[in-house]
Amino acid sequence: MESPVWIDGKKYWELPKAWFNDFVERALAKYSKVYVIQPYREQEKCSPTCQNAIGHECQCSCMGLYHGAGNDGSWFEVSDTFATRWADHELACRLMTAKP
């Protein structure tokens, strides 16, 4: 079994993924609140029909952000009605609180 690693220069513990749920449950039981910082990548969704549209009506989940803009090669076209891409790796910070 892996062990937690202390990141001395930044003063935090890095835990094995398999320990995550147990750690959060124990931390919430003891402290009632815990900040969790973890990797995050946003998934964007659109469609080739939307990206290649001519005109102004957009009913796509991008809400017009990529309407008529075309595909610059960064989108993975799953079908004629669905395309997706992943943003860069970022860190997300969540404050988790125990249920009363």
PDB file of N, CA and C in Angstrom:
ATOM      1  N   MET A   1       0.843  -1.187   0.000  1.00  0.00           N
ATOM      2  CA  MET A   1       0.000   0.000   0.000  1.00  0.00           C
ATOM      3  C   MET A   1       0.884   1.245   0.000  1.00  0.00           C
ATOM      4  N   GLU A   2       0.473   2.216  -0.765  1.00  0.00           N
ATOM      5  CA  GLU A   2       1.220   3.474  -0.818  1.00  0.00           C
ATOM      6  C   GLU A   2       1.044   4.257   0.476  1.00  0.00           C
ATOM      7  N   SER A   3       1.977   5.157   0.730  1.00  0.00           N
ATOM      8  CA  SER A   3       1.900   6.006   1.914  1.00  0.00           C
ATOM      9  C   SER A   3       1.791   7.466   1.491  1.00  0.00           C
ATOM     10  N   PRO A   4       1.225   8.325   2.365  1.00  0.00           N
ATOM     11  CA  PRO A   4       1.183   9.754   2.067  1.00  0.00           C
ATOM     12  C   PRO A   4       2.602  10.304   1.948  1.00  0.00           C
ATOM     13  N   VAL A   5       2.759  11.338   1.144  1.00  0.00           N
ATOM     14  CA  VAL A   5       4.061  11.972   0.951  1.00  0.00           C
ATOM     15  C   VAL A   5       3.957  13.422   1.418  1.00  0.00           C
ATOM     16  N   TRP A   6       4.870  13.839   2.301  1.00  0.00           N
ATOM     17  CA  TRP A   6       4.911  15.226   2.778  1.00  0.00           C
ATOM     18  C   TRP A   6       5.690  16.059   1.770  1.00  0.00           C
ATOM     19  N   ILE A   7       5.062  17.097   1.234  1.00  0.00           N
ATOM     20  CA  ILE A   7       5.709  18.015   0.299  1.00  0.00           C
ATOM     21  C   ILE A   7       6.221  19.184   1.131  1.00  0.00           C
ATOM     22  N   ASP A   8       7.493  19.095   1.564  1.00  0.00           N
ATOM     23  CA  ASP A   8       8.063  20.000   2.559  1.00  0.00           C
ATOM     24  C   ASP A   8       8.088  21.454   2.098  1.00  0.00           C
ATOM     25  N   GLY A   9       8.512  21.710   0.866  1.00  0.00           N
ATOM     26  CA  GLY A   9       8.631  23.089   0.390  1.00  0.00           C
ATOM     27  C   GLY A   9       7.307  23.822   0.326  1.00  0.00           C
ATOM     28  N   LYS A  10       6.214  23.066   0.223  1.00  0.00           N
ATOM     29  CA  LYS A  10       4.898  23.700   0.097  1.00  0.00           C
ATOM     30  C   LYS A  10       3.981  23.396   1.280  1.00  0.00           C
ATOM     31  N   LYS A  11       4.454  22.548   2.208  1.00  0.00           N
ATOM     32  CA  LYS A  11       3.757  22.247   3.462  1.00  0.00           C
ATOM     33  C   LYS A  11       2.369  21.619   3.264  1.00  0.00           C
ATOM     34  N   TYR A  12       2.317  20.496   2.556  1.00  0.00           N
ATOM     35  CA  TYR A  12       1.067  19.766   2.445  1.00  0.00           C
ATOM     36  C   TYR A  12       1.347  18.282   2.248  1.00  0.00           C
ATOM     37  N   TRP A  13       0.311  17.467   2.496  1.00  0.00           N
ATOM     38  CA  TRP A  13       0.397  16.024   2.282  1.00  0.00           C
ATOM     39  C   TRP A  13      -0.200  15.696   0.918  1.00  0.00           C
ATOM     40  N   GLU A  14       0.444  14.791   0.218  1.00  0.00           N
ATOM     41  CA  GLU A  14      -0.095  14.257  -1.022  1.00  0.00           C
ATOM     42  C   GLU A  14      -0.483  12.812  -0.726  1.00  0.00           C
ATOM     43  N   LEU A  15      -1.764  12.507  -0.882  1.00  0.00           N
ATOM     44  CA  LEU A  15      -2.283  11.195  -0.514  1.00  0.00           C
ATOM     45  C   LEU A  15      -2.472  10.293  -1.724  1.00  0.00           C
ATOM     46  N   PRO A  16      -2.345   8.978  -1.537  1.00  0.00           N
ATOM     47  CA  PRO A  16      -2.697   8.047  -2.612  1.00  0.00           C
ATOM     48  C   PRO A  16      -4.183   8.180  -2.941  1.00  0.00           C
ATOM     49  N   LYS A  17      -4.521   8.049  -4.187  1.00  0.00           N
ATOM     50  CA  LYS A  17      -5.906   8.185  -4.636  1.00  0.00           C
ATOM     51  C   LYS A  17      -6.851   7.236  -3.886  1.00  0.00           C
ATOM     52  N   ALA A  18      -6.387   6.036  -3.598  1.00  0.00           N
ATOM     53  CA  ALA A  18      -7.217   5.042  -2.917  1.00  0.00           C
ATOM     54  C   ALA A  18      -7.601   5.477  -1.500  1.00  0.00           C
ATOM     55  N   TRP A  19      -6.885   6.426  -0.929  1.00  0.00           N
ATOM     56  CA  TRP A  19      -7.162   6.894   0.430  1.00  0.00           C
ATOM     57  C   TRP A  19      -8.132   8.078   0.465  1.00  0.00           C
ATOM     58  N   PHE A  20      -8.466   8.649  -0.662  1.00  0.00           N
ATOM     59  CA  PHE A  20      -9.182   9.926  -0.717  1.00  0.00           C
ATOM     60  C   PHE A  20     -10.491   9.919   0.075  1.00  0.00           C
ATOM     61  N   ASN A  21     -11.421   9.014  -0.240  1.00  0.00           N
ATOM     62  CA  ASN A  21     -12.731   9.031   0.406  1.00  0.00           C
ATOM     63  C   ASN A  21     -12.626   8.821   1.913  1.00  0.00           C
ATOM     64  N   ASP A  22     -11.800   7.882   2.320  1.00  0.00           N
ATOM     65  CA  ASP A  22     -11.619   7.620   3.743  1.00  0.00           C
ATOM     66  C   ASP A  22     -11.033   8.838   4.453  1.00  0.00           C
ATOM     67  N   PHE A  23     -10.046   9.466   3.838  1.00  0.00           N
ATOM     68  CA  PHE A  23      -9.432  10.659   4.430  1.00  0.00           C
ATOM     69  C   PHE A  23     -10.453  11.774   4.619  1.00  0.00           C
ATOM     70  N   VAL A  24     -11.238  12.039   3.574  1.00  0.00           N
ATOM     71  CA  VAL A  24     -12.231  13.117   3.657  1.00  0.00           C
ATOM     72  C   VAL A  24     -13.253  12.816   4.754  1.00  0.00           C
ATOM     73  N   GLU A  25     -13.747  11.580   4.804  1.00  0.00           N
ATOM     74  CA  GLU A  25     -14.723  11.211   5.844  1.00  0.00           C
ATOM     75  C   GLU A  25     -14.146  11.402   7.246  1.00  0.00           C
ATOM     76  N   ARG A  26     -12.908  10.976   7.461  1.00  0.00           N
ATOM     77  CA  ARG A  26     -12.277  11.114   8.784  1.00  0.00           C
ATOM     78  C   ARG A  26     -12.015  12.582   9.133  1.00  0.00           C
ATOM     79  N   ALA A  27     -11.558  13.363   8.145  1.00  0.00           N
ATOM     80  CA  ALA A  27     -11.292  14.787   8.391  1.00  0.00           C
ATOM     81  C   ALA A  27     -12.582  15.529   8.712  1.00  0.00           C
ATOM     82  N   LEU A  28     -13.657  15.209   8.003  1.00  0.00           N
ATOM     83  CA  LEU A  28     -14.943  15.854   8.281  1.00  0.00           C
ATOM     84  C   LEU A  28     -15.460  15.464   9.665  1.00  0.00           C
ATOM     85  N   ALA A  29     -15.279  14.205  10.047  1.00  0.00           N
ATOM     86  CA  ALA A  29     -15.724  13.766  11.373  1.00  0.00           C
ATOM     87  C   ALA A  29     -14.958  14.490  12.478  1.00  0.00           C
ATOM     88  N   LYS A  30     -13.674  14.733  12.253  1.00  0.00           N
ATOM     89  CA  LYS A  30     -12.849  15.364  13.288  1.00  0.00           C
ATOM     90  C   LYS A  30     -12.961  16.888  13.289  1.00  0.00           C
ATOM     91  N   TYR A  31     -12.934  17.517  12.091  1.00  0.00           N
ATOM     92  CA  TYR A  31     -12.860  18.979  12.007  1.00  0.00           C
ATOM     93  C   TYR A  31     -14.141  19.641  11.507  1.00  0.00           C
ATOM     94  N   SER A  32     -15.055  18.896  10.949  1.00  0.00           N
ATOM     95  CA  SER A  32     -16.328  19.330  10.355  1.00  0.00           C
ATOM     96  C   SER A  32     -16.179  20.104   9.046  1.00  0.00           C
ATOM     97  N   LYS A  33     -14.953  20.543   8.726  1.00  0.00           N
ATOM     98  CA  LYS A  33     -14.681  21.221   7.452  1.00  0.00           C
ATOM     99  C   LYS A  33     -13.288  20.836   6.977  1.00  0.00           C
ATOM    100  N   VAL A  34     -13.122  20.721   5.667  1.00  0.00           N
ATOM    101  CA  VAL A  34     -11.801  20.425   5.114  1.00  0.00           C
ATOM    102  C   VAL A  34     -11.718  21.007   3.698  1.00  0.00           C
ATOM    103  N   TYR A  35     -10.582  21.636   3.404  1.00  0.00           N
ATOM    104  CA  TYR A  35     -10.323  22.092   2.046  1.00  0.00           C
ATOM    105  C   TYR A  35      -9.652  20.966   1.269  1.00  0.00           C
ATOM    106  N   VAL A  36     -10.144  20.699   0.074  1.00  0.00           N
ATOM    107  CA  VAL A  36      -9.565  19.685  -0.792  1.00  0.00           C
ATOM    108  C   VAL A  36      -9.083  20.375  -2.064  1.00  0.00           C
ATOM    109  N   ILE A  37      -7.813  20.179  -2.385  1.00  0.00           N
ATOM    110  CA  ILE A  37      -7.235  20.726  -3.612  1.00  0.00           C
ATOM    111  C   ILE A  37      -6.878  19.541  -4.492  1.00  0.00           C
ATOM    112  N   GLN A  38      -7.436  19.533  -5.708  1.00  0.00           N
ATOM    113  CA  GLN A  38      -7.203  18.394  -6.587  1.00  0.00           C
ATOM    114  C   GLN A  38      -7.154  18.838  -8.047  1.00  0.00           C
ATOM    115  N   PRO A  39      -6.544  18.023  -8.906  1.00  0.00           N
ATOM    116  CA  PRO A  39      -6.470  18.347 -10.329  1.00  0.00           C
ATOM    117  C   PRO A  39      -7.864  18.424 -10.943  1.00  0.00           C
ATOM    118  N   TYR A  40      -7.994  19.267 -11.936  1.00  0.00           N
ATOM    119  CA  TYR A  40      -9.282  19.497 -12.576  1.00  0.00           C
ATOM    120  C   TYR A  40      -9.056  19.858 -14.035  1.00  0.00           C
ATOM    121  N   ARG A  41      -9.875  19.325 -14.908  1.00  0.00           N
ATOM    122  CA  ARG A  41      -9.854  19.706 -16.325  1.00  0.00           C
ATOM    123  C   ARG A  41     -11.290  19.900 -16.778  1.00  0.00           C
ATOM    124  N   GLU A  42     -11.595  21.076 -17.254  1.00  0.00           N
ATOM    125  CA  GLU A  42     -12.938  21.376 -17.728  1.00  0.00           C
ATOM    126  C   GLU A  42     -13.159  20.728 -19.090  1.00  0.00           C
ATOM    127  N   GLN A  43     -14.335  20.132 -19.260  1.00  0.00           N
ATOM    128  CA  GLN A  43     -14.709  19.570 -20.552  1.00  0.00           C
ATOM    129  C   GLN A  43     -15.672  20.520 -21.233  1.00  0.00           C
ATOM    130  N   GLU A  44     -15.333  20.912 -22.451  1.00  0.00           N
ATOM    131  CA  GLU A  44     -16.213  21.757 -23.232  1.00  0.00           C
ATOM    132  C   GLU A  44     -16.973  20.889 -24.222  1.00  0.00           C
ATOM    133  N   LYS A  45     -18.234  21.233 -24.460  1.00  0.00           N
ATOM    134  CA  LYS A  45     -19.071  20.479 -25.383  1.00  0.00           C
ATOM    135  C   LYS A  45     -19.690  21.428 -26.397  1.00  0.00           C
ATOM    136  N   CYS A  46     -19.738  20.984 -27.625  1.00  0.00           N
ATOM    137  CA  CYS A  46     -20.347  21.750 -28.710  1.00  0.00           C
ATOM    138  C   CYS A  46     -20.729  20.728 -29.775  1.00  0.00           C
ATOM    139  N   SER A  47     -21.017  21.176 -30.964  1.00  0.00           N
ATOM    140  CA  SER A  47     -21.298  20.248 -32.057  1.00  0.00           C
ATOM    141  C   SER A  47     -20.777  20.834 -33.366  1.00  0.00           C
ATOM    142  N   PRO A  48     -20.364  19.977 -34.294  1.00  0.00           N
ATOM    143  CA  PRO A  48     -19.930  20.467 -35.603  1.00  0.00           C
ATOM    144  C   PRO A  48     -21.023  21.295 -36.288  1.00  0.00           C
ATOM    145  N   THR A  49     -22.280  20.901 -36.080  1.00  0.00           N
ATOM    146  CA  THR A  49     -23.390  21.650 -36.668  1.00  0.00           C
ATOM    147  C   THR A  49     -23.386  23.093 -36.168  1.00  0.00           C
ATOM    148  N   CYS A  50     -23.129  23.278 -34.902  1.00  0.00           N
ATOM    149  CA  CYS A  50     -23.066  24.610 -34.309  1.00  0.00           C
ATOM    150  C   CYS A  50     -21.823  25.356 -34.786  1.00  0.00           C
ATOM    151  N   GLN A  51     -20.670  24.688 -34.723  1.00  0.00           N
ATOM    152  CA  GLN A  51     -19.412  25.333 -35.108  1.00  0.00           C
ATOM    153  C   GLN A  51     -19.406  25.773 -36.571  1.00  0.00           C
ATOM    154  N   ASN A  52     -20.104  25.049 -37.424  1.00  0.00           N
ATOM    155  CA  ASN A  52     -20.140  25.366 -38.853  1.00  0.00           C
ATOM    156  C   ASN A  52     -21.405  26.117 -39.262  1.00  0.00           C
ATOM    157  N   ALA A  53     -22.152  26.588 -38.292  1.00  0.00           N
ATOM    158  CA  ALA A  53     -23.434  27.245 -38.569  1.00  0.00           C
ATOM    159  C   ALA A  53     -23.268  28.587 -39.265  1.00  0.00           C
ATOM    160  N   ILE A  54     -24.260  28.896 -40.053  1.00  0.00           N
ATOM    161  CA  ILE A  54     -24.390  30.218 -40.664  1.00  0.00           C
ATOM    162  C   ILE A  54     -25.720  30.748 -40.153  1.00  0.00           C
ATOM    163  N   GLY A  55     -25.731  31.900 -39.589  1.00  0.00           N
ATOM    164  CA  GLY A  55     -26.945  32.437 -38.980  1.00  0.00           C
ATOM    165  C   GLY A  55     -26.730  32.609 -37.487  1.00  0.00           C
ATOM    166  N   HIS A  56     -27.776  33.041 -36.804  1.00  0.00           N
ATOM    167  CA  HIS A  56     -27.626  33.442 -35.403  1.00  0.00           C
ATOM    168  C   HIS A  56     -28.259  32.509 -34.392  1.00  0.00           C
ATOM    169  N   GLU A  57     -29.153  31.624 -34.801  1.00  0.00           N
ATOM    170  CA  GLU A  57     -29.825  30.763 -33.841  1.00  0.00           C
ATOM    171  C   GLU A  57     -28.892  29.665 -33.349  1.00  0.00           C
ATOM    172  N   CYS A  58     -28.752  29.569 -32.031  1.00  0.00           N
ATOM    173  CA  CYS A  58     -27.895  28.549 -31.434  1.00  0.00           C
ATOM    174  C   CYS A  58     -28.644  27.889 -30.286  1.00  0.00           C
ATOM    175  N   GLN A  59     -28.781  26.571 -30.353  1.00  0.00           N
ATOM    176  CA  GLN A  59     -29.432  25.817 -29.288  1.00  0.00           C
ATOM    177  C   GLN A  59     -28.459  24.803 -28.691  1.00  0.00           C
ATOM    178  N   CYS A  60     -27.175  25.056 -28.852  1.00  0.00           N
ATOM    179  CA  CYS A  60     -26.124  24.143 -28.409  1.00  0.00           C
ATOM    180  C   CYS A  60     -25.751  24.441 -26.954  1.00  0.00           C
ATOM    181  N   SER A  61     -25.113  23.475 -26.288  1.00  0.00           N
ATOM    182  CA  SER A  61     -24.712  23.668 -24.889  1.00  0.00           C
ATOM    183  C   SER A  61     -23.606  24.713 -24.739  1.00  0.00           C
ATOM    184  N   CYS A  62     -22.936  25.096 -25.837  1.00  0.00           N
ATOM    185  CA  CYS A  62     -21.926  26.152 -25.741  1.00  0.00           C
ATOM    186  C   CYS A  62     -22.579  27.528 -25.604  1.00  0.00           C
ATOM    187  N   MET A  63     -23.885  27.582 -25.780  1.00  0.00           N
ATOM    188  CA  MET A  63     -24.670  28.816 -25.672  1.00  0.00           C
ATOM    189  C   MET A  63     -24.149  29.910 -26.593  1.00  0.00           C
ATOM    190  N   GLY A  64     -23.702  29.511 -27.782  1.00  0.00           N
ATOM    191  CA  GLY A  64     -23.277  30.474 -28.788  1.00  0.00           C
ATOM    192  C   GLY A  64     -21.810  30.845 -28.757  1.00  0.00           C
ATOM    193  N   LEU A  65     -21.056  30.344 -27.784  1.00  0.00           N
ATOM    194  CA  LEU A  65     -19.652  30.714 -27.649  1.00  0.00           C
ATOM    195  C   LEU A  65     -18.832  30.328 -28.879  1.00  0.00           C
ATOM    196  N   TYR A  66     -19.116  29.152 -29.466  1.00  0.00           N
ATOM    197  CA  TYR A  66     -18.346  28.691 -30.632  1.00  0.00           C
ATOM    198  C   TYR A  66     -19.188  28.675 -31.902  1.00  0.00           C
ATOM    199  N   HIS A  67     -20.367  29.275 -31.856  1.00  0.00           N
ATOM    200  CA  HIS A  67     -21.308  29.274 -32.969  1.00  0.00           C
ATOM    201  C   HIS A  67     -20.685  29.916 -34.209  1.00  0.00           C
ATOM    202  N   GLY A  68     -20.580  29.139 -35.269  1.00  0.00           N
ATOM    203  CA  GLY A  68     -20.044  29.635 -36.536  1.00  0.00           C
ATOM    204  C   GLY A  68     -18.536  29.822 -36.557  1.00  0.00           C
ATOM    205  N   ALA A  69     -17.837  29.392 -35.513  1.00  0.00           N
ATOM    206  CA  ALA A  69     -16.392  29.626 -35.413  1.00  0.00           C
ATOM    207  C   ALA A  69     -15.555  28.569 -36.121  1.00  0.00           C
ATOM    208  N   GLY A  70     -16.157  27.435 -36.516  1.00  0.00           N
ATOM    209  CA  GLY A  70     -15.402  26.357 -37.154  1.00  0.00           C
ATOM    210  C   GLY A  70     -14.610  25.558 -36.132  1.00  0.00           C
ATOM    211  N   ASN A  71     -13.950  24.508 -36.617  1.00  0.00           N
ATOM    212  CA  ASN A  71     -13.139  23.649 -35.757  1.00  0.00           C
ATOM    213  C   ASN A  71     -11.676  23.933 -36.049  1.00  0.00           C
ATOM    214  N   ASP A  72     -10.958  24.422 -35.047  1.00  0.00           N
ATOM    215  CA  ASP A  72      -9.538  24.755 -35.219  1.00  0.00           C
ATOM    216  C   ASP A  72      -8.626  23.545 -35.044  1.00  0.00           C
ATOM    217  N   GLY A  73      -9.208  22.354 -34.947  1.00  0.00           N
ATOM    218  CA  GLY A  73      -8.433  21.138 -34.762  1.00  0.00           C
ATOM    219  C   GLY A  73      -8.324  20.692 -33.315  1.00  0.00           C
ATOM    220  N   SER A  74      -8.787  21.512 -32.376  1.00  0.00           N
ATOM    221  CA  SER A  74      -8.697  21.149 -30.962  1.00  0.00           C
ATOM    222  C   SER A  74      -9.911  20.345 -30.488  1.00  0.00           C
ATOM    223  N   TRP A  75     -10.929  20.255 -31.309  1.00  0.00           N
ATOM    224  CA  TRP A  75     -12.151  19.530 -30.952  1.00  0.00           C
ATOM    225  C   TRP A  75     -12.098  18.104 -31.462  1.00  0.00           C
ATOM    226  N   PHE A  76     -12.597  17.157 -30.641  1.00  0.00           N
ATOM    227  CA  PHE A  76     -12.757  15.769 -31.046  1.00  0.00           C
ATOM    228  C   PHE A  76     -14.214  15.596 -31.445  1.00  0.00           C
ATOM    229  N   GLU A  77     -14.462  15.375 -32.733  1.00  0.00           N
ATOM    230  CA  GLU A  77     -15.821  15.234 -33.231  1.00  0.00           C
ATOM    231  C   GLU A  77     -16.276  13.791 -33.071  1.00  0.00           C
ATOM    232  N   VAL A  78     -17.212  13.584 -32.156  1.00  0.00           N
ATOM    233  CA  VAL A  78     -17.743  12.258 -31.871  1.00  0.00           C
ATOM    234  C   VAL A  78     -18.775  11.869 -32.925  1.00  0.00           C
ATOM    235  N   SER A  79     -19.591  12.826 -33.316  1.00  0.00           N
ATOM    236  CA  SER A  79     -20.620  12.609 -34.332  1.00  0.00           C
ATOM    237  C   SER A  79     -20.965  13.947 -34.954  1.00  0.00           C
ATOM    238  N   ASP A  80     -21.967  13.954 -35.826  1.00  0.00           N
ATOM    239  CA  ASP A  80     -22.408  15.217 -36.436  1.00  0.00           C
ATOM    240  C   ASP A  80     -23.045  16.153 -35.415  1.00  0.00           C
ATOM    241  N   THR A  81     -23.429  15.597 -34.277  1.00  0.00           N
ATOM    242  CA  THR A  81     -24.131  16.408 -33.281  1.00  0.00           C
ATOM    243  C   THR A  81     -23.379  16.577 -31.968  1.00  0.00           C
ATOM    244  N   PHE A  82     -22.134  16.062 -31.886  1.00  0.00           N
ATOM    245  CA  PHE A  82     -21.403  16.175 -30.622  1.00  0.00           C
ATOM    246  C   PHE A  82     -19.904  16.249 -30.862  1.00  0.00           C
ATOM    247  N   ALA A  83     -19.273  17.252 -30.251  1.00  0.00           N
ATOM    248  CA  ALA A  83     -17.815  17.398 -30.249  1.00  0.00           C
ATOM    249  C   ALA A  83     -17.399  17.799 -28.844  1.00  0.00           C
ATOM    250  N   THR A  84     -16.192  17.411 -28.442  1.00  0.00           N
ATOM    251  CA  THR A  84     -15.726  17.717 -27.094  1.00  0.00           C
ATOM    252  C   THR A  84     -14.240  18.032 -27.116  1.00  0.00           C
ATOM    253  N   ARG A  85     -13.786  18.736 -26.113  1.00  0.00           N
ATOM    254  CA  ARG A  85     -12.355  18.965 -25.897  1.00  0.00           C
ATOM    255  C   ARG A  85     -12.149  19.240 -24.425  1.00  0.00           C
ATOM    256  N   TRP A  86     -10.918  18.992 -23.969  1.00  0.00           N
ATOM    257  CA  TRP A  86     -10.565  19.177 -22.568  1.00  0.00           C
ATOM    258  C   TRP A  86      -9.644  20.375 -22.441  1.00  0.00           C
ATOM    259  N   ALA A  87      -9.891  21.199 -21.442  1.00  0.00           N
ATOM    260  CA  ALA A  87      -9.051  22.362 -21.168  1.00  0.00           C
ATOM    261  C   ALA A  87      -7.751  21.905 -20.508  1.00  0.00           C
ATOM    262  N   ASP A  88      -6.848  22.844 -20.262  1.00  0.00           N
ATOM    263  CA  ASP A  88      -5.576  22.551 -19.611  1.00  0.00           C
ATOM    264  C   ASP A  88      -5.795  22.070 -18.176  1.00  0.00           C
ATOM    265  N   HIS A  89      -4.798  21.388 -17.638  1.00  0.00           N
ATOM    266  CA  HIS A  89      -4.846  20.951 -16.244  1.00  0.00           C
ATOM    267  C   HIS A  89      -4.806  22.171 -15.328  1.00  0.00           C
ATOM    268  N   GLU A  90      -5.691  22.184 -14.362  1.00  0.00           N
ATOM    269  CA  GLU A  90      -5.713  23.248 -13.360  1.00  0.00           C
ATOM    270  C   GLU A  90      -5.933  22.591 -11.999  1.00  0.00           C
ATOM    271  N   LEU A  91      -5.905  23.387 -10.950  1.00  0.00           N
ATOM    272  CA  LEU A  91      -6.209  22.888  -9.621  1.00  0.00           C
ATOM    273  C   LEU A  91      -7.525  23.500  -9.159  1.00  0.00           C
ATOM    274  N   ALA A  92      -8.357  22.686  -8.550  1.00  0.00           N
ATOM    275  CA  ALA A  92      -9.613  23.161  -7.999  1.00  0.00           C
ATOM    276  C   ALA A  92      -9.540  23.036  -6.484  1.00  0.00           C
ATOM    277  N   CYS A  93     -10.106  24.007  -5.786  1.00  0.00           N
ATOM    278  CA  CYS A  93     -10.127  23.998  -4.328  1.00  0.00           C
ATOM    279  C   CYS A  93     -11.587  23.997  -3.890  1.00  0.00           C
ATOM    280  N   ARG A  94     -11.941  23.014  -3.078  1.00  0.00           N
ATOM    281  CA  ARG A  94     -13.322  22.907  -2.577  1.00  0.00           C
ATOM    282  C   ARG A  94     -13.306  22.903  -1.053  1.00  0.00           C
ATOM    283  N   LEU A  95     -14.220  23.635  -0.466  1.00  0.00           N
ATOM    284  CA  LEU A  95     -14.432  23.554   0.973  1.00  0.00           C
ATOM    285  C   LEU A  95     -15.545  22.556   1.184  1.00  0.00           C
ATOM    286  N   MET A  96     -15.234  21.467   1.846  1.00  0.00           N
ATOM    287  CA  MET A  96     -16.239  20.446   2.125  1.00  0.00           C
ATOM    288  C   MET A  96     -16.634  20.564   3.588  1.00  0.00           C
ATOM    289  N   THR A  97     -17.929  20.446   3.863  1.00  0.00           N
ATOM    290  CA  THR A  97     -18.430  20.563   5.234  1.00  0.00           C
ATOM    291  C   THR A  97     -19.245  19.307   5.586  1.00  0.00           C
ATOM    292  N   ALA A  98     -19.175  18.939   6.837  1.00  0.00           N
ATOM    293  CA  ALA A  98     -19.912  17.763   7.305  1.00  0.00           C
ATOM    294  C   ALA A  98     -21.393  18.072   7.311  1.00  0.00           C
ATOM    295  N   LYS A  99     -22.187  17.066   7.016  1.00  0.00           N
ATOM    296  CA  LYS A  99     -23.639  17.221   7.100  1.00  0.00           C
ATOM    297  C   LYS A  99     -24.034  17.269   8.570  1.00  0.00           C
ATOM    298  N   PRO A 100     -24.999  18.154   8.898  1.00  0.00           N
ATOM    299  CA  PRO A 100     -25.409  18.271  10.303  1.00  0.00           C
ATOM    300  C   PRO A 100     -26.100  17.027  10.808  1.00  0.00           C
TER     301      PRO A 100
END
